[in-house]
Amino acid sequence: MSKEEKEHLEKVFRALDKNGDGHLSKEEILEGYEEHFGVPINEEEVDKMFKNIDIDGNGSIDYTEFVMASMNEKNIVTKEKL
């Protein structure tokens, strides 16, 4: 992951983290997802996301989980793999 990609992820995470606690709640994802990713998301999709990303099961997505999920997504959909 390039420095620019890391900076972008951090910027998006901070923008989604409305209360600044370092964790993304389901509500924060629902409120900010479309604004930052350009695609609407519903509660069912957020529940699936949390099931896959919230590794420690604490009910929120921390920055490390967010970055890992973003890296996995990027590695899954690369030009070479398509």
PDB file of N, CA and C in Angstrom:
ATOM      1  N   MET A   1       0.851  -1.177   0.000  1.00  0.00           N
ATOM      2  CA  MET A   1       0.000   0.000   0.000  1.00  0.00           C
ATOM      3  C   MET A   1       0.896   1.239   0.000  1.00  0.00           C
ATOM      4  N   SER A   2       0.596   2.167  -0.873  1.00  0.00           N
ATOM      5  CA  SER A   2       1.422   3.363  -0.991  1.00  0.00           C
ATOM      6  C   SER A   2       1.107   4.359   0.128  1.00  0.00           C
ATOM      7  N   LYS A   3       1.993   5.306   0.284  1.00  0.00           N
ATOM      8  CA  LYS A   3       1.809   6.343   1.294  1.00  0.00           C
ATOM      9  C   LYS A   3       0.513   7.121   1.030  1.00  0.00           C
ATOM     10  N   GLU A   4       0.240   7.409  -0.225  1.00  0.00           N
ATOM     11  CA  GLU A   4      -0.971   8.136  -0.593  1.00  0.00           C
ATOM     12  C   GLU A   4      -2.227   7.342  -0.240  1.00  0.00           C
ATOM     13  N   GLU A   5      -2.185   6.032  -0.478  1.00  0.00           N
ATOM     14  CA  GLU A   5      -3.330   5.180  -0.143  1.00  0.00           C
ATOM     15  C   GLU A   5      -3.560   5.152   1.368  1.00  0.00           C
ATOM     16  N   LYS A   6      -2.478   5.065   2.131  1.00  0.00           N
ATOM     17  CA  LYS A   6      -2.599   5.076   3.589  1.00  0.00           C
ATOM     18  C   LYS A   6      -3.195   6.382   4.073  1.00  0.00           C
ATOM     19  N   GLU A   7      -2.705   7.489   3.505  1.00  0.00           N
ATOM     20  CA  GLU A   7      -3.223   8.795   3.899  1.00  0.00           C
ATOM     21  C   GLU A   7      -4.704   8.924   3.552  1.00  0.00           C
ATOM     22  N   HIS A   8      -5.088   8.403   2.394  1.00  0.00           N
ATOM     23  CA  HIS A   8      -6.496   8.452   1.995  1.00  0.00           C
ATOM     24  C   HIS A   8      -7.362   7.636   2.955  1.00  0.00           C
ATOM     25  N   LEU A   9      -6.914   6.434   3.296  1.00  0.00           N
ATOM     26  CA  LEU A   9      -7.671   5.599   4.228  1.00  0.00           C
ATOM     27  C   LEU A   9      -7.827   6.279   5.578  1.00  0.00           C
ATOM     28  N   GLU A  10      -6.768   6.883   6.057  1.00  0.00           N
ATOM     29  CA  GLU A  10      -6.833   7.581   7.346  1.00  0.00           C
ATOM     30  C   GLU A  10      -7.821   8.742   7.269  1.00  0.00           C
ATOM     31  N   LYS A  11      -7.806   9.464   6.170  1.00  0.00           N
ATOM     32  CA  LYS A  11      -8.720  10.588   5.984  1.00  0.00           C
ATOM     33  C   LYS A  11     -10.177  10.111   5.976  1.00  0.00           C
ATOM     34  N   VAL A  12     -10.440   9.030   5.262  1.00  0.00           N
ATOM     35  CA  VAL A  12     -11.798   8.481   5.194  1.00  0.00           C
ATOM     36  C   VAL A  12     -12.227   7.985   6.573  1.00  0.00           C
ATOM     37  N   PHE A  13     -11.331   7.276   7.270  1.00  0.00           N
ATOM     38  CA  PHE A  13     -11.666   6.760   8.590  1.00  0.00           C
ATOM     39  C   PHE A  13     -12.028   7.910   9.531  1.00  0.00           C
ATOM     40  N   ARG A  14     -11.212   8.936   9.545  1.00  0.00           N
ATOM     41  CA  ARG A  14     -11.472  10.089  10.426  1.00  0.00           C
ATOM     42  C   ARG A  14     -12.792  10.772  10.072  1.00  0.00           C
ATOM     43  N   ALA A  15     -13.085  10.864   8.787  1.00  0.00           N
ATOM     44  CA  ALA A  15     -14.340  11.490   8.366  1.00  0.00           C
ATOM     45  C   ALA A  15     -15.548  10.662   8.801  1.00  0.00           C
ATOM     46  N   LEU A  16     -15.431   9.345   8.727  1.00  0.00           N
ATOM     47  CA  LEU A  16     -16.517   8.466   9.155  1.00  0.00           C
ATOM     48  C   LEU A  16     -16.676   8.460  10.671  1.00  0.00           C
ATOM     49  N   ASP A  17     -15.575   8.613  11.382  1.00  0.00           N
ATOM     50  CA  ASP A  17     -15.563   8.556  12.853  1.00  0.00           C
ATOM     51  C   ASP A  17     -16.041   9.891  13.418  1.00  0.00           C
ATOM     52  N   LYS A  18     -17.336  10.126  13.336  1.00  0.00           N
ATOM     53  CA  LYS A  18     -17.934  11.411  13.712  1.00  0.00           C
ATOM     54  C   LYS A  18     -17.640  11.829  15.149  1.00  0.00           C
ATOM     55  N   ASN A  19     -17.616  10.878  16.087  1.00  0.00           N
ATOM     56  CA  ASN A  19     -17.387  11.253  17.489  1.00  0.00           C
ATOM     57  C   ASN A  19     -15.908  11.221  17.873  1.00  0.00           C
ATOM     58  N   GLY A  20     -15.043  10.832  16.940  1.00  0.00           N
ATOM     59  CA  GLY A  20     -13.607  10.874  17.166  1.00  0.00           C
ATOM     60  C   GLY A  20     -13.070   9.915  18.203  1.00  0.00           C
ATOM     61  N   ASP A  21     -13.774   8.797  18.436  1.00  0.00           N
ATOM     62  CA  ASP A  21     -13.333   7.846  19.459  1.00  0.00           C
ATOM     63  C   ASP A  21     -12.399   6.760  18.928  1.00  0.00           C
ATOM     64  N   GLY A  22     -12.096   6.800  17.630  1.00  0.00           N
ATOM     65  CA  GLY A  22     -11.187   5.806  17.052  1.00  0.00           C
ATOM     66  C   GLY A  22     -11.861   4.503  16.666  1.00  0.00           C
ATOM     67  N   HIS A  23     -13.174   4.483  16.714  1.00  0.00           N
ATOM     68  CA  HIS A  23     -13.953   3.292  16.354  1.00  0.00           C
ATOM     69  C   HIS A  23     -15.135   3.724  15.499  1.00  0.00           C
ATOM     70  N   LEU A  24     -15.472   2.908  14.517  1.00  0.00           N
ATOM     71  CA  LEU A  24     -16.636   3.183  13.681  1.00  0.00           C
ATOM     72  C   LEU A  24     -17.802   2.334  14.171  1.00  0.00           C
ATOM     73  N   SER A  25     -18.891   3.006  14.510  1.00  0.00           N
ATOM     74  CA  SER A  25     -20.112   2.306  14.904  1.00  0.00           C
ATOM     75  C   SER A  25     -20.945   2.028  13.659  1.00  0.00           C
ATOM     76  N   LYS A  26     -21.935   1.188  13.805  1.00  0.00           N
ATOM     77  CA  LYS A  26     -22.828   0.911  12.677  1.00  0.00           C
ATOM     78  C   LYS A  26     -23.515   2.192  12.226  1.00  0.00           C
ATOM     79  N   GLU A  27     -23.888   3.036  13.180  1.00  0.00           N
ATOM     80  CA  GLU A  27     -24.548   4.294  12.853  1.00  0.00           C
ATOM     81  C   GLU A  27     -23.626   5.207  12.045  1.00  0.00           C
ATOM     82  N   GLU A  28     -22.358   5.277  12.432  1.00  0.00           N
ATOM     83  CA  GLU A  28     -21.416   6.117  11.702  1.00  0.00           C
ATOM     84  C   GLU A  28     -21.223   5.613  10.273  1.00  0.00           C
ATOM     85  N   ILE A  29     -21.186   4.304  10.108  1.00  0.00           N
ATOM     86  CA  ILE A  29     -21.057   3.723   8.764  1.00  0.00           C
ATOM     87  C   ILE A  29     -22.298   4.054   7.936  1.00  0.00           C
ATOM     88  N   LEU A  30     -23.471   3.844   8.520  1.00  0.00           N
ATOM     89  CA  LEU A  30     -24.709   4.135   7.799  1.00  0.00           C
ATOM     90  C   LEU A  30     -24.782   5.596   7.374  1.00  0.00           C
ATOM     91  N   GLU A  31     -24.346   6.498   8.234  1.00  0.00           N
ATOM     92  CA  GLU A  31     -24.422   7.930   7.945  1.00  0.00           C
ATOM     93  C   GLU A  31     -23.404   8.381   6.902  1.00  0.00           C
ATOM     94  N   GLY A  32     -22.201   7.812   6.906  1.00  0.00           N
ATOM     95  CA  GLY A  32     -21.150   8.350   6.068  1.00  0.00           C
ATOM     96  C   GLY A  32     -20.721   7.528   4.880  1.00  0.00           C
ATOM     97  N   TYR A  33     -21.191   6.297   4.753  1.00  0.00           N
ATOM     98  CA  TYR A  33     -20.699   5.393   3.712  1.00  0.00           C
ATOM     99  C   TYR A  33     -20.907   5.949   2.304  1.00  0.00           C
ATOM    100  N   GLU A  34     -22.140   6.323   2.002  1.00  0.00           N
ATOM    101  CA  GLU A  34     -22.429   6.798   0.643  1.00  0.00           C
ATOM    102  C   GLU A  34     -21.643   8.070   0.327  1.00  0.00           C
ATOM    103  N   GLU A  35     -21.523   8.949   1.305  1.00  0.00           N
ATOM    104  CA  GLU A  35     -20.798  10.197   1.096  1.00  0.00           C
ATOM    105  C   GLU A  35     -19.339   9.954   0.713  1.00  0.00           C
ATOM    106  N   HIS A  36     -18.705   8.967   1.335  1.00  0.00           N
ATOM    107  CA  HIS A  36     -17.282   8.738   1.120  1.00  0.00           C
ATOM    108  C   HIS A  36     -16.967   7.663   0.088  1.00  0.00           C
ATOM    109  N   PHE A  37     -17.900   6.742  -0.142  1.00  0.00           N
ATOM    110  CA  PHE A  37     -17.636   5.662  -1.092  1.00  0.00           C
ATOM    111  C   PHE A  37     -18.518   5.733  -2.338  1.00  0.00           C
ATOM    112  N   GLY A  38     -19.501   6.655  -2.341  1.00  0.00           N
ATOM    113  CA  GLY A  38     -20.329   6.882  -3.517  1.00  0.00           C
ATOM    114  C   GLY A  38     -21.380   5.830  -3.785  1.00  0.00           C
ATOM    115  N   VAL A  39     -21.612   4.955  -2.812  1.00  0.00           N
ATOM    116  CA  VAL A  39     -22.582   3.877  -2.974  1.00  0.00           C
ATOM    117  C   VAL A  39     -23.443   3.824  -1.708  1.00  0.00           C
ATOM    118  N   PRO A  40     -24.770   3.776  -1.863  1.00  0.00           N
ATOM    119  CA  PRO A  40     -25.609   3.663  -0.665  1.00  0.00           C
ATOM    120  C   PRO A  40     -25.433   2.299   0.002  1.00  0.00           C
ATOM    121  N   ILE A  41     -25.703   2.258   1.297  1.00  0.00           N
ATOM    122  CA  ILE A  41     -25.586   1.009   2.049  1.00  0.00           C
ATOM    123  C   ILE A  41     -26.764   0.927   3.020  1.00  0.00           C
ATOM    124  N   ASN A  42     -27.280  -0.273   3.221  1.00  0.00           N
ATOM    125  CA  ASN A  42     -28.403  -0.433   4.154  1.00  0.00           C
ATOM    126  C   ASN A  42     -27.941  -1.187   5.401  1.00  0.00           C
ATOM    127  N   GLU A  43     -28.831  -1.287   6.368  1.00  0.00           N
ATOM    128  CA  GLU A  43     -28.465  -1.916   7.648  1.00  0.00           C
ATOM    129  C   GLU A  43     -28.036  -3.370   7.491  1.00  0.00           C
ATOM    130  N   GLU A  44     -28.685  -4.094   6.588  1.00  0.00           N
ATOM    131  CA  GLU A  44     -28.332  -5.504   6.370  1.00  0.00           C
ATOM    132  C   GLU A  44     -26.886  -5.621   5.878  1.00  0.00           C
ATOM    133  N   GLU A  45     -26.508  -4.738   4.952  1.00  0.00           N
ATOM    134  CA  GLU A  45     -25.141  -4.756   4.436  1.00  0.00           C
ATOM    135  C   GLU A  45     -24.134  -4.369   5.515  1.00  0.00           C
ATOM    136  N   VAL A  46     -24.504  -3.411   6.362  1.00  0.00           N
ATOM    137  CA  VAL A  46     -23.625  -3.007   7.460  1.00  0.00           C
ATOM    138  C   VAL A  46     -23.452  -4.161   8.445  1.00  0.00           C
ATOM    139  N   ASP A  47     -24.532  -4.886   8.731  1.00  0.00           N
ATOM    140  CA  ASP A  47     -24.431  -6.050   9.619  1.00  0.00           C
ATOM    141  C   ASP A  47     -23.474  -7.094   9.041  1.00  0.00           C
ATOM    142  N   LYS A  48     -23.562  -7.346   7.722  1.00  0.00           N
ATOM    143  CA  LYS A  48     -22.647  -8.293   7.082  1.00  0.00           C
ATOM    144  C   LYS A  48     -21.209  -7.787   7.167  1.00  0.00           C
ATOM    145  N   MET A  49     -21.031  -6.495   6.947  1.00  0.00           N
ATOM    146  CA  MET A  49     -19.715  -5.888   7.017  1.00  0.00           C
ATOM    147  C   MET A  49     -19.113  -6.098   8.407  1.00  0.00           C
ATOM    148  N   PHE A  50     -19.887  -5.825   9.433  1.00  0.00           N
ATOM    149  CA  PHE A  50     -19.384  -5.976  10.797  1.00  0.00           C
ATOM    150  C   PHE A  50     -19.055  -7.431  11.109  1.00  0.00           C
ATOM    151  N   LYS A  51     -19.859  -8.337  10.598  1.00  0.00           N
ATOM    152  CA  LYS A  51     -19.599  -9.761  10.830  1.00  0.00           C
ATOM    153  C   LYS A  51     -18.237 -10.162  10.268  1.00  0.00           C
ATOM    154  N   ASN A  52     -17.861  -9.574   9.132  1.00  0.00           N
ATOM    155  CA  ASN A  52     -16.598  -9.917   8.481  1.00  0.00           C
ATOM    156  C   ASN A  52     -15.408  -9.090   8.946  1.00  0.00           C
ATOM    157  N   ILE A  53     -15.636  -7.858   9.354  1.00  0.00           N
ATOM    158  CA  ILE A  53     -14.533  -6.942   9.653  1.00  0.00           C
ATOM    159  C   ILE A  53     -14.250  -6.801  11.139  1.00  0.00           C
ATOM    160  N   ASP A  54     -15.280  -6.848  11.976  1.00  0.00           N
ATOM    161  CA  ASP A  54     -15.113  -6.649  13.417  1.00  0.00           C
ATOM    162  C   ASP A  54     -14.491  -7.900  14.037  1.00  0.00           C
ATOM    163  N   ILE A  55     -13.192  -8.049  13.851  1.00  0.00           N
ATOM    164  CA  ILE A  55     -12.466  -9.259  14.238  1.00  0.00           C
ATOM    165  C   ILE A  55     -12.535  -9.520  15.742  1.00  0.00           C
ATOM    166  N   ASP A  56     -12.409  -8.467  16.550  1.00  0.00           N
ATOM    167  CA  ASP A  56     -12.412  -8.674  18.001  1.00  0.00           C
ATOM    168  C   ASP A  56     -13.820  -8.756  18.587  1.00  0.00           C
ATOM    169  N   GLY A  57     -14.850  -8.548  17.751  1.00  0.00           N
ATOM    170  CA  GLY A  57     -16.229  -8.711  18.186  1.00  0.00           C
ATOM    171  C   GLY A  57     -16.719  -7.692  19.193  1.00  0.00           C
ATOM    172  N   ASN A  58     -16.110  -6.504  19.206  1.00  0.00           N
ATOM    173  CA  ASN A  58     -16.506  -5.506  20.195  1.00  0.00           C
ATOM    174  C   ASN A  58     -17.649  -4.607  19.725  1.00  0.00           C
ATOM    175  N   GLY A  59     -18.188  -4.868  18.538  1.00  0.00           N
ATOM    176  CA  GLY A  59     -19.324  -4.096  18.058  1.00  0.00           C
ATOM    177  C   GLY A  59     -18.957  -2.821  17.326  1.00  0.00           C
ATOM    178  N   SER A  60     -17.660  -2.625  17.081  1.00  0.00           N
ATOM    179  CA  SER A  60     -17.217  -1.461  16.317  1.00  0.00           C
ATOM    180  C   SER A  60     -16.013  -1.855  15.470  1.00  0.00           C
ATOM    181  N   ILE A  61     -15.698  -1.004  14.501  1.00  0.00           N
ATOM    182  CA  ILE A  61     -14.555  -1.256  13.625  1.00  0.00           C
ATOM    183  C   ILE A  61     -13.478  -0.240  13.973  1.00  0.00           C
ATOM    184  N   ASP A  62     -12.337  -0.738  14.438  1.00  0.00           N
ATOM    185  CA  ASP A  62     -11.240   0.182  14.755  1.00  0.00           C
ATOM    186  C   ASP A  62     -10.398   0.406  13.501  1.00  0.00           C
ATOM    187  N   TYR A  63      -9.433   1.296  13.606  1.00  0.00           N
ATOM    188  CA  TYR A  63      -8.639   1.676  12.433  1.00  0.00           C
ATOM    189  C   TYR A  63      -7.897   0.480  11.835  1.00  0.00           C
ATOM    190  N   THR A  64      -7.342  -0.364  12.681  1.00  0.00           N
ATOM    191  CA  THR A  64      -6.600  -1.535  12.188  1.00  0.00           C
ATOM    192  C   THR A  64      -7.515  -2.457  11.394  1.00  0.00           C
ATOM    193  N   GLU A  65      -8.699  -2.717  11.905  1.00  0.00           N
ATOM    194  CA  GLU A  65      -9.656  -3.569  11.195  1.00  0.00           C
ATOM    195  C   GLU A  65     -10.069  -2.920   9.872  1.00  0.00           C
ATOM    196  N   PHE A  66     -10.243  -1.607   9.894  1.00  0.00           N
ATOM    197  CA  PHE A  66     -10.616  -0.851   8.693  1.00  0.00           C
ATOM    198  C   PHE A  66      -9.539  -0.973   7.613  1.00  0.00           C
ATOM    199  N   VAL A  67      -8.281  -0.796   8.016  1.00  0.00           N
ATOM    200  CA  VAL A  67      -7.169  -0.884   7.066  1.00  0.00           C
ATOM    201  C   VAL A  67      -7.035  -2.303   6.524  1.00  0.00           C
ATOM    202  N   MET A  68      -7.128  -3.289   7.403  1.00  0.00           N
ATOM    203  CA  MET A  68      -7.018  -4.687   6.953  1.00  0.00           C
ATOM    204  C   MET A  68      -8.117  -5.017   5.946  1.00  0.00           C
ATOM    205  N   ALA A  69      -9.329  -4.581   6.212  1.00  0.00           N
ATOM    206  CA  ALA A  69     -10.437  -4.844   5.297  1.00  0.00           C
ATOM    207  C   ALA A  69     -10.209  -4.136   3.966  1.00  0.00           C
ATOM    208  N   SER A  70      -9.712  -2.918   4.011  1.00  0.00           N
ATOM    209  CA  SER A  70      -9.439  -2.167   2.785  1.00  0.00           C
ATOM    210  C   SER A  70      -8.340  -2.829   1.971  1.00  0.00           C
ATOM    211  N   MET A  71      -7.301  -3.312   2.641  1.00  0.00           N
ATOM    212  CA  MET A  71      -6.212  -3.994   1.937  1.00  0.00           C
ATOM    213  C   MET A  71      -6.712  -5.289   1.329  1.00  0.00           C
ATOM    214  N   ASN A  72      -7.519  -6.035   2.059  1.00  0.00           N
ATOM    215  CA  ASN A  72      -8.065  -7.286   1.520  1.00  0.00           C
ATOM    216  C   ASN A  72      -8.928  -7.018   0.304  1.00  0.00           C
ATOM    217  N   GLU A  73      -9.743  -5.985   0.370  1.00  0.00           N
ATOM    218  CA  GLU A  73     -10.602  -5.613  -0.756  1.00  0.00           C
ATOM    219  C   GLU A  73      -9.743  -5.258  -1.962  1.00  0.00           C
ATOM    220  N   LYS A  74      -8.710  -4.483  -1.738  1.00  0.00           N
ATOM    221  CA  LYS A  74      -7.835  -4.064  -2.837  1.00  0.00           C
ATOM    222  C   LYS A  74      -7.134  -5.273  -3.453  1.00  0.00           C
ATOM    223  N   ASN A  75      -6.689  -6.202  -2.633  1.00  0.00           N
ATOM    224  CA  ASN A  75      -5.979  -7.385  -3.136  1.00  0.00           C
ATOM    225  C   ASN A  75      -6.910  -8.338  -3.866  1.00  0.00           C
ATOM    226  N   ILE A  76      -8.161  -8.356  -3.506  1.00  0.00           N
ATOM    227  CA  ILE A  76      -9.125  -9.238  -4.156  1.00  0.00           C
ATOM    228  C   ILE A  76      -9.432  -8.747  -5.563  1.00  0.00           C
ATOM    229  N   VAL A  77      -9.544  -7.441  -5.733  1.00  0.00           N
ATOM    230  CA  VAL A  77      -9.951  -6.878  -7.015  1.00  0.00           C
ATOM    231  C   VAL A  77      -8.802  -6.121  -7.654  1.00  0.00           C
ATOM    232  N   THR A  78      -7.777  -6.824  -8.020  1.00  0.00           N
ATOM    233  CA  THR A  78      -6.675  -6.188  -8.746  1.00  0.00           C
ATOM    234  C   THR A  78      -6.842  -6.456 -10.231  1.00  0.00           C
ATOM    235  N   LYS A  79      -6.247  -5.627 -11.026  1.00  0.00           N
ATOM    236  CA  LYS A  79      -6.337  -5.773 -12.474  1.00  0.00           C
ATOM    237  C   LYS A  79      -5.782  -7.134 -12.907  1.00  0.00           C
ATOM    238  N   GLU A  80      -4.665  -7.533 -12.292  1.00  0.00           N
ATOM    239  CA  GLU A  80      -4.050  -8.808 -12.666  1.00  0.00           C
ATOM    240  C   GLU A  80      -4.968  -9.990 -12.346  1.00  0.00           C
ATOM    241  N   LYS A  81      -5.654  -9.936 -11.208  1.00  0.00           N
ATOM    242  CA  LYS A  81      -6.502 -11.050 -10.799  1.00  0.00           C
ATOM    243  C   LYS A  81      -7.785 -11.111 -11.605  1.00  0.00           C
ATOM    244  N   LEU A  82      -8.238  -9.960 -12.091  1.00  0.00           N
ATOM    245  CA  LEU A  82      -9.438  -9.964 -12.935  1.00  0.00           C
ATOM    246  C   LEU A  82      -9.103 -10.512 -14.302  1.00  0.00           C
TER     247      LEU A  82
END
